[in-house]
PDB file of N, CA and C in Angstrom:
ATOM      1  N   UNK A   1      22.584   7.400 -17.923  1.00  0.00           N
ATOM      2  CA  UNK A   1      21.410   8.124 -18.327  1.00  0.00           C
ATOM      3  C   UNK A   1      20.536   7.297 -19.239  1.00  0.00           C
ATOM      4  N   UNK A   2      19.251   7.323 -18.970  1.00  0.00           N
ATOM      5  CA  UNK A   2      18.315   6.518 -19.758  1.00  0.00           C
ATOM      6  C   UNK A   2      18.010   7.228 -21.065  1.00  0.00           C
ATOM      7  N   UNK A   3      17.961   6.437 -22.169  1.00  0.00           N
ATOM      8  CA  UNK A   3      17.780   7.029 -23.479  1.00  0.00           C
ATOM      9  C   UNK A   3      16.361   7.555 -23.635  1.00  0.00           C
ATOM     10  N   UNK A   4      16.254   8.546 -24.514  1.00  0.00           N
ATOM     11  CA  UNK A   4      14.909   9.117 -24.843  1.00  0.00           C
ATOM     12  C   UNK A   4      14.019   8.030 -25.403  1.00  0.00           C
ATOM     13  N   UNK A   5      14.593   7.163 -26.237  1.00  0.00           N
ATOM     14  CA  UNK A   5      13.820   6.057 -26.837  1.00  0.00           C
ATOM     15  C   UNK A   5      13.213   5.118 -25.774  1.00  0.00           C
ATOM     16  N   UNK A   6      13.988   4.789 -24.809  1.00  0.00           N
ATOM     17  CA  UNK A   6      13.508   3.904 -23.722  1.00  0.00           C
ATOM     18  C   UNK A   6      12.407   4.615 -22.952  1.00  0.00           C
ATOM     19  N   UNK A   7      12.621   5.877 -22.641  1.00  0.00           N
ATOM     20  CA  UNK A   7      11.612   6.614 -21.888  1.00  0.00           C
ATOM     21  C   UNK A   7      10.329   6.678 -22.704  1.00  0.00           C
ATOM     22  N   UNK A   8      10.407   6.875 -24.009  1.00  0.00           N
ATOM     23  CA  UNK A   8       9.189   6.935 -24.831  1.00  0.00           C
ATOM     24  C   UNK A   8       8.482   5.569 -24.862  1.00  0.00           C
ATOM     25  N   UNK A   9       9.244   4.487 -24.887  1.00  0.00           N
ATOM     26  CA  UNK A   9       8.626   3.125 -24.921  1.00  0.00           C
ATOM     27  C   UNK A   9       7.852   2.877 -23.639  1.00  0.00           C
ATOM     28  N   UNK A  10       8.443   3.290 -22.500  1.00  0.00           N
ATOM     29  CA  UNK A  10       7.767   3.094 -21.229  1.00  0.00           C
ATOM     30  C   UNK A  10       6.525   3.985 -21.127  1.00  0.00           C
ATOM     31  N   UNK A  11       6.638   5.233 -21.579  1.00  0.00           N
ATOM     32  CA  UNK A  11       5.521   6.127 -21.581  1.00  0.00           C
ATOM     33  C   UNK A  11       4.353   5.581 -22.422  1.00  0.00           C
ATOM     34  N   UNK A  12       4.692   5.000 -23.573  1.00  0.00           N
ATOM     35  CA  UNK A  12       3.691   4.413 -24.454  1.00  0.00           C
ATOM     36  C   UNK A  12       2.966   3.264 -23.744  1.00  0.00           C
ATOM     37  N   UNK A  13       3.715   2.453 -23.050  1.00  0.00           N
ATOM     38  CA  UNK A  13       3.076   1.314 -22.285  1.00  0.00           C
ATOM     39  C   UNK A  13       2.132   1.889 -21.184  1.00  0.00           C
ATOM     40  N   UNK A  14       2.579   2.895 -20.496  1.00  0.00           N
ATOM     41  CA  UNK A  14       1.782   3.510 -19.480  1.00  0.00           C
ATOM     42  C   UNK A  14       0.507   4.138 -20.041  1.00  0.00           C
ATOM     43  N   UNK A  15       0.648   4.826 -21.161  1.00  0.00           N
ATOM     44  CA  UNK A  15      -0.502   5.460 -21.830  1.00  0.00           C
ATOM     45  C   UNK A  15      -1.544   4.352 -22.208  1.00  0.00           C
ATOM     46  N   UNK A  16      -1.096   3.183 -22.590  1.00  0.00           N
ATOM     47  CA  UNK A  16      -1.991   2.100 -22.912  1.00  0.00           C
ATOM     48  C   UNK A  16      -2.783   1.593 -21.745  1.00  0.00           C
ATOM     49  N   UNK A  17      -2.203   1.744 -20.542  1.00  0.00           N
ATOM     50  CA  UNK A  17      -2.879   1.302 -19.300  1.00  0.00           C
ATOM     51  C   UNK A  17      -3.790   2.359 -18.709  1.00  0.00           C
ATOM     52  N   UNK A  18      -3.476   3.590 -18.975  1.00  0.00           N
ATOM     53  CA  UNK A  18      -4.168   4.675 -18.300  1.00  0.00           C
ATOM     54  C   UNK A  18      -5.682   4.702 -18.487  1.00  0.00           C
ATOM     55  N   UNK A  19      -6.170   4.413 -19.709  1.00  0.00           N
ATOM     56  CA  UNK A  19      -7.591   4.440 -19.945  1.00  0.00           C
ATOM     57  C   UNK A  19      -8.354   3.438 -19.083  1.00  0.00           C
ATOM     58  N   UNK A  20      -7.797   2.247 -18.876  1.00  0.00           N
ATOM     59  CA  UNK A  20      -8.411   1.242 -18.001  1.00  0.00           C
ATOM     60  C   UNK A  20      -8.475   1.782 -16.557  1.00  0.00           C
ATOM     61  N   UNK A  21      -7.389   2.384 -16.125  1.00  0.00           N
ATOM     62  CA  UNK A  21      -7.328   2.876 -14.776  1.00  0.00           C
ATOM     63  C   UNK A  21      -8.239   4.087 -14.569  1.00  0.00           C
ATOM     64  N   UNK A  22      -8.299   4.946 -15.559  1.00  0.00           N
ATOM     65  CA  UNK A  22      -9.157   6.137 -15.461  1.00  0.00           C
ATOM     66  C   UNK A  22     -10.628   5.731 -15.447  1.00  0.00           C
ATOM     67  N   UNK A  23     -10.979   4.628 -16.065  1.00  0.00           N
ATOM     68  CA  UNK A  23     -12.374   4.143 -16.044  1.00  0.00           C
ATOM     69  C   UNK A  23     -12.832   3.771 -14.600  1.00  0.00           C
ATOM     70  N   UNK A  24     -11.847   3.453 -13.792  1.00  0.00           N
ATOM     71  CA  UNK A  24     -12.124   3.081 -12.383  1.00  0.00           C
ATOM     72  C   UNK A  24     -11.818   4.258 -11.436  1.00  0.00           C
ATOM     73  N   UNK A  25     -11.620   5.465 -11.957  1.00  0.00           N
ATOM     74  CA  UNK A  25     -11.381   6.597 -11.106  1.00  0.00           C
ATOM     75  C   UNK A  25      -9.932   6.794 -10.662  1.00  0.00           C
ATOM     76  N   UNK A  26      -9.025   6.055 -11.300  1.00  0.00           N
ATOM     77  CA  UNK A  26      -7.638   6.169 -10.963  1.00  0.00           C
ATOM     78  C   UNK A  26      -6.799   6.657 -12.104  1.00  0.00           C
ATOM     79  N   UNK A  27      -5.498   6.573 -11.902  1.00  0.00           N
ATOM     80  CA  UNK A  27      -4.558   6.970 -12.947  1.00  0.00           C
ATOM     81  C   UNK A  27      -3.194   6.394 -12.645  1.00  0.00           C
ATOM     82  N   UNK A  28      -2.276   6.611 -13.575  1.00  0.00           N
ATOM     83  CA  UNK A  28      -0.942   6.030 -13.481  1.00  0.00           C
ATOM     84  C   UNK A  28       0.009   7.032 -14.093  1.00  0.00           C
ATOM     85  N   UNK A  29       1.144   7.267 -13.435  1.00  0.00           N
ATOM     86  CA  UNK A  29       2.162   8.152 -14.019  1.00  0.00           C
ATOM     87  C   UNK A  29       3.553   7.571 -13.829  1.00  0.00           C
ATOM     88  N   UNK A  30       4.392   7.897 -14.784  1.00  0.00           N
ATOM     89  CA  UNK A  30       5.806   7.474 -14.722  1.00  0.00           C
ATOM     90  C   UNK A  30       6.535   8.425 -13.787  1.00  0.00           C
ATOM     91  N   UNK A  31       7.203   7.919 -12.784  1.00  0.00           N
ATOM     92  CA  UNK A  31       7.956   8.714 -11.862  1.00  0.00           C
ATOM     93  C   UNK A  31       9.413   8.800 -12.315  1.00  0.00           C
ATOM     94  N   UNK A  32       9.989   7.621 -12.627  1.00  0.00           N
ATOM     95  CA  UNK A  32      11.427   7.645 -13.047  1.00  0.00           C
ATOM     96  C   UNK A  32      11.755   6.275 -13.690  1.00  0.00           C
ATOM     97  N   UNK A  33      12.880   6.311 -14.369  1.00  0.00           N
ATOM     98  CA  UNK A  33      13.585   5.105 -14.837  1.00  0.00           C
ATOM     99  C   UNK A  33      15.010   5.252 -14.403  1.00  0.00           C
ATOM    100  N   UNK A  34      15.469   4.356 -13.586  1.00  0.00           N
ATOM    101  CA  UNK A  34      16.842   4.436 -13.023  1.00  0.00           C
ATOM    102  C   UNK A  34      17.862   3.922 -14.064  1.00  0.00           C
ATOM    103  N   UNK A  35      19.146   4.217 -13.811  1.00  0.00           N
ATOM    104  CA  UNK A  35      20.199   3.731 -14.676  1.00  0.00           C
ATOM    105  C   UNK A  35      20.287   2.210 -14.673  1.00  0.00           C
ATOM    106  N   UNK A  36      19.825   1.591 -13.592  1.00  0.00           N
ATOM    107  CA  UNK A  36      19.828   0.120 -13.568  1.00  0.00           C
ATOM    108  C   UNK A  36      18.512  -0.480 -14.133  1.00  0.00           C
ATOM    109  N   UNK A  37      17.775   0.371 -14.876  1.00  0.00           N
ATOM    110  CA  UNK A  37      16.550  -0.042 -15.619  1.00  0.00           C
ATOM    111  C   UNK A  37      15.417  -0.486 -14.716  1.00  0.00           C
ATOM    112  N   UNK A  38      15.264   0.213 -13.584  1.00  0.00           N
ATOM    113  CA  UNK A  38      14.110  -0.020 -12.715  1.00  0.00           C
ATOM    114  C   UNK A  38      13.140   1.170 -12.952  1.00  0.00           C
ATOM    115  N   UNK A  39      11.899   0.807 -13.319  1.00  0.00           N
ATOM    116  CA  UNK A  39      10.866   1.798 -13.537  1.00  0.00           C
ATOM    117  C   UNK A  39      10.098   2.005 -12.232  1.00  0.00           C
ATOM    118  N   UNK A  40       9.858   3.267 -11.903  1.00  0.00           N
ATOM    119  CA  UNK A  40       8.976   3.598 -10.772  1.00  0.00           C
ATOM    120  C   UNK A  40       7.780   4.331 -11.313  1.00  0.00           C
ATOM    121  N   UNK A  41       6.586   3.827 -10.964  1.00  0.00           N
ATOM    122  CA  UNK A  41       5.354   4.444 -11.367  1.00  0.00           C
ATOM    123  C   UNK A  41       4.577   4.839 -10.101  1.00  0.00           C
ATOM    124  N   UNK A  42       3.617   5.702 -10.253  1.00  0.00           N
ATOM    125  CA  UNK A  42       2.770   6.095  -9.161  1.00  0.00           C
ATOM    126  C   UNK A  42       1.316   5.842  -9.503  1.00  0.00           C
ATOM    127  N   UNK A  43       0.621   5.157  -8.607  1.00  0.00           N
ATOM    128  CA  UNK A  43      -0.829   4.999  -8.751  1.00  0.00           C
ATOM    129  C   UNK A  43      -1.482   6.223  -8.131  1.00  0.00           C
ATOM    130  N   UNK A  44      -2.448   6.760  -8.845  1.00  0.00           N
ATOM    131  CA  UNK A  44      -3.150   7.991  -8.422  1.00  0.00           C
ATOM    132  C   UNK A  44      -4.658   7.709  -8.287  1.00  0.00           C
ATOM    133  N   UNK A  45      -5.346   8.631  -7.600  1.00  0.00           N
ATOM    134  CA  UNK A  45      -6.789   8.522  -7.483  1.00  0.00           C
ATOM    135  C   UNK A  45      -7.189   7.240  -6.748  1.00  0.00           C
ATOM    136  N   UNK A  46      -8.268   6.616  -7.201  1.00  0.00           N
ATOM    137  CA  UNK A  46      -8.745   5.428  -6.506  1.00  0.00           C
ATOM    138  C   UNK A  46      -7.745   4.264  -6.604  1.00  0.00           C
ATOM    139  N   UNK A  47      -6.861   4.277  -7.601  1.00  0.00           N
ATOM    140  CA  UNK A  47      -5.858   3.241  -7.742  1.00  0.00           C
ATOM    141  C   UNK A  47      -4.799   3.345  -6.629  1.00  0.00           C
ATOM    142  N   UNK A  48      -4.639   4.546  -6.054  1.00  0.00           N
ATOM    143  CA  UNK A  48      -3.663   4.768  -5.004  1.00  0.00           C
ATOM    144  C   UNK A  48      -4.009   4.057  -3.725  1.00  0.00           C
ATOM    145  N   UNK A  49      -5.303   3.849  -3.524  1.00  0.00           N
ATOM    146  CA  UNK A  49      -5.791   3.228  -2.261  1.00  0.00           C
ATOM    147  C   UNK A  49      -6.449   1.870  -2.508  1.00  0.00           C
ATOM    148  N   UNK A  50      -6.457   1.403  -3.734  1.00  0.00           N
ATOM    149  CA  UNK A  50      -7.157   0.136  -4.047  1.00  0.00           C
ATOM    150  C   UNK A  50      -6.351  -1.057  -3.549  1.00  0.00           C
ATOM    151  N   UNK A  51      -7.047  -1.974  -2.869  1.00  0.00           N
ATOM    152  CA  UNK A  51      -6.382  -3.174  -2.390  1.00  0.00           C
ATOM    153  C   UNK A  51      -5.879  -4.101  -3.514  1.00  0.00           C
ATOM    154  N   UNK A  52      -6.338  -3.876  -4.757  1.00  0.00           N
ATOM    155  CA  UNK A  52      -5.915  -4.655  -5.910  1.00  0.00           C
ATOM    156  C   UNK A  52      -4.785  -4.047  -6.709  1.00  0.00           C
ATOM    157  N   UNK A  53      -4.237  -2.941  -6.202  1.00  0.00           N
ATOM    158  CA  UNK A  53      -3.199  -2.255  -6.981  1.00  0.00           C
ATOM    159  C   UNK A  53      -1.967  -3.111  -7.188  1.00  0.00           C
ATOM    160  N   UNK A  54      -1.645  -3.970  -6.208  1.00  0.00           N
ATOM    161  CA  UNK A  54      -0.502  -4.832  -6.382  1.00  0.00           C
ATOM    162  C   UNK A  54      -0.741  -5.859  -7.539  1.00  0.00           C
ATOM    163  N   UNK A  55      -1.979  -6.330  -7.654  1.00  0.00           N
ATOM    164  CA  UNK A  55      -2.334  -7.230  -8.735  1.00  0.00           C
ATOM    165  C   UNK A  55      -2.310  -6.472 -10.097  1.00  0.00           C
ATOM    166  N   UNK A  56      -2.805  -5.260 -10.051  1.00  0.00           N
ATOM    167  CA  UNK A  56      -2.778  -4.427 -11.295  1.00  0.00           C
ATOM    168  C   UNK A  56      -1.323  -4.193 -11.713  1.00  0.00           C
ATOM    169  N   UNK A  57      -0.480  -3.958 -10.771  1.00  0.00           N
ATOM    170  CA  UNK A  57       0.939  -3.759 -11.076  1.00  0.00           C
ATOM    171  C   UNK A  57       1.526  -5.012 -11.758  1.00  0.00           C
ATOM    172  N   UNK A  58       1.350  -6.128 -11.091  1.00  0.00           N
ATOM    173  CA  UNK A  58       1.921  -7.395 -11.648  1.00  0.00           C
ATOM    174  C   UNK A  58       1.328  -7.839 -12.949  1.00  0.00           C
ATOM    175  N   UNK A  59       0.017  -7.853 -13.005  1.00  0.00           N
ATOM    176  CA  UNK A  59      -0.672  -8.453 -14.160  1.00  0.00           C
ATOM    177  C   UNK A  59      -0.986  -7.439 -15.289  1.00  0.00           C
ATOM    178  N   UNK A  60      -0.780  -6.188 -15.059  1.00  0.00           N
ATOM    179  CA  UNK A  60      -1.074  -5.211 -16.103  1.00  0.00           C
ATOM    180  C   UNK A  60       0.099  -4.327 -16.447  1.00  0.00           C
ATOM    181  N   UNK A  61       0.515  -3.558 -15.472  1.00  0.00           N
ATOM    182  CA  UNK A  61       1.553  -2.553 -15.726  1.00  0.00           C
ATOM    183  C   UNK A  61       2.873  -3.164 -16.057  1.00  0.00           C
ATOM    184  N   UNK A  62       3.322  -4.129 -15.275  1.00  0.00           N
ATOM    185  CA  UNK A  62       4.628  -4.752 -15.566  1.00  0.00           C
ATOM    186  C   UNK A  62       4.592  -5.462 -16.928  1.00  0.00           C
ATOM    187  N   UNK A  63       3.532  -6.164 -17.169  1.00  0.00           N
ATOM    188  CA  UNK A  63       3.398  -6.852 -18.456  1.00  0.00           C
ATOM    189  C   UNK A  63       3.413  -5.907 -19.639  1.00  0.00           C
ATOM    190  N   UNK A  64       2.691  -4.774 -19.511  1.00  0.00           N
ATOM    191  CA  UNK A  64       2.681  -3.801 -20.605  1.00  0.00           C
ATOM    192  C   UNK A  64       4.012  -3.151 -20.816  1.00  0.00           C
ATOM    193  N   UNK A  65       4.695  -2.777 -19.719  1.00  0.00           N
ATOM    194  CA  UNK A  65       6.005  -2.142 -19.839  1.00  0.00           C
ATOM    195  C   UNK A  65       7.021  -3.101 -20.439  1.00  0.00           C
ATOM    196  N   UNK A  66       7.033  -4.346 -19.984  1.00  0.00           N
ATOM    197  CA  UNK A  66       8.005  -5.286 -20.486  1.00  0.00           C
ATOM    198  C   UNK A  66       7.739  -5.661 -21.929  1.00  0.00           C
ATOM    199  N   UNK A  67       6.477  -5.615 -22.368  1.00  0.00           N
ATOM    200  CA  UNK A  67       6.128  -5.867 -23.752  1.00  0.00           C
ATOM    201  C   UNK A  67       6.715  -4.745 -24.641  1.00  0.00           C
ATOM    202  N   UNK A  68       6.607  -3.522 -24.196  1.00  0.00           N
ATOM    203  CA  UNK A  68       7.083  -2.354 -24.957  1.00  0.00           C
ATOM    204  C   UNK A  68       8.599  -2.152 -24.817  1.00  0.00           C
ATOM    205  N   UNK A  69       9.117  -2.493 -23.622  1.00  0.00           N
ATOM    206  CA  UNK A  69      10.520  -2.300 -23.351  1.00  0.00           C
ATOM    207  C   UNK A  69      11.112  -3.464 -22.568  1.00  0.00           C
ATOM    208  N   UNK A  70      11.409  -4.549 -23.276  1.00  0.00           N
ATOM    209  CA  UNK A  70      11.852  -5.790 -22.624  1.00  0.00           C
ATOM    210  C   UNK A  70      13.151  -5.653 -21.857  1.00  0.00           C
ATOM    211  N   UNK A  71      13.908  -4.611 -22.096  1.00  0.00           N
ATOM    212  CA  UNK A  71      15.161  -4.438 -21.377  1.00  0.00           C
ATOM    213  C   UNK A  71      14.935  -3.949 -19.924  1.00  0.00           C
ATOM    214  N   UNK A  72      13.742  -3.515 -19.593  1.00  0.00           N
ATOM    215  CA  UNK A  72      13.476  -3.083 -18.214  1.00  0.00           C
ATOM    216  C   UNK A  72      13.639  -4.301 -17.267  1.00  0.00           C
ATOM    217  N   UNK A  73      14.313  -4.031 -16.160  1.00  0.00           N
ATOM    218  CA  UNK A  73      14.649  -5.142 -15.216  1.00  0.00           C
ATOM    219  C   UNK A  73      13.551  -5.274 -14.149  1.00  0.00           C
ATOM    220  N   UNK A  74      12.970  -4.222 -13.697  1.00  0.00           N
ATOM    221  CA  UNK A  74      11.922  -4.303 -12.666  1.00  0.00           C
ATOM    222  C   UNK A  74      11.024  -3.066 -12.704  1.00  0.00           C
ATOM    223  N   UNK A  75       9.852  -3.238 -12.109  1.00  0.00           N
ATOM    224  CA  UNK A  75       8.884  -2.149 -12.031  1.00  0.00           C
ATOM    225  C   UNK A  75       8.392  -2.106 -10.569  1.00  0.00           C
ATOM    226  N   UNK A  76       8.374  -0.912 -10.010  1.00  0.00           N
ATOM    227  CA  UNK A  76       7.854  -0.762  -8.647  1.00  0.00           C
ATOM    228  C   UNK A  76       6.865   0.360  -8.648  1.00  0.00           C
ATOM    229  N   UNK A  77       5.965   0.340  -7.694  1.00  0.00           N
ATOM    230  CA  UNK A  77       4.911   1.410  -7.632  1.00  0.00           C
ATOM    231  C   UNK A  77       4.909   2.145  -6.321  1.00  0.00           C
ATOM    232  N   UNK A  78       4.680   3.426  -6.429  1.00  0.00           N
ATOM    233  CA  UNK A  78       4.433   4.252  -5.264  1.00  0.00           C
ATOM    234  C   UNK A  78       2.944   4.499  -5.192  1.00  0.00           C
ATOM    235  N   UNK A  79       2.404   4.691  -4.046  1.00  0.00           N
ATOM    236  CA  UNK A  79       0.994   5.052  -3.920  1.00  0.00           C
ATOM    237  C   UNK A  79       0.911   6.573  -3.762  1.00  0.00           C
ATOM    238  N   UNK A  80      -0.254   7.099  -3.992  1.00  0.00           N
ATOM    239  CA  UNK A  80      -0.430   8.558  -3.894  1.00  0.00           C
ATOM    240  C   UNK A  80       0.022   9.032  -2.537  1.00  0.00           C
ATOM    241  N   UNK A  81       0.782  10.131  -2.542  1.00  0.00           N
ATOM    242  CA  UNK A  81       1.319  10.671  -1.320  1.00  0.00           C
ATOM    243  C   UNK A  81       2.796  10.349  -1.110  1.00  0.00           C
ATOM    244  N   UNK A  82       3.307   9.337  -1.788  1.00  0.00           N
ATOM    245  CA  UNK A  82       4.700   8.975  -1.633  1.00  0.00           C
ATOM    246  C   UNK A  82       5.593   9.816  -2.512  1.00  0.00           C
TER     247      UNK A  82
END
């Protein structure tokens, strides 16, 4: 089971990214954190269909999450509808 503290650190990282994504008509939400420390997020709105979402994941979301919670092993994204 993932600790409340880890969940809060990941949520804080996501909150830091949300305003940038909302400025472009999109959003980001935490779906889950697995026991093997894999974070799953979901891109919403225009970010769910944006061709640059993979770059946003690598260069923004992953970096922010790992800065707040370096113990996270990987981050993957679902698109809207998954």
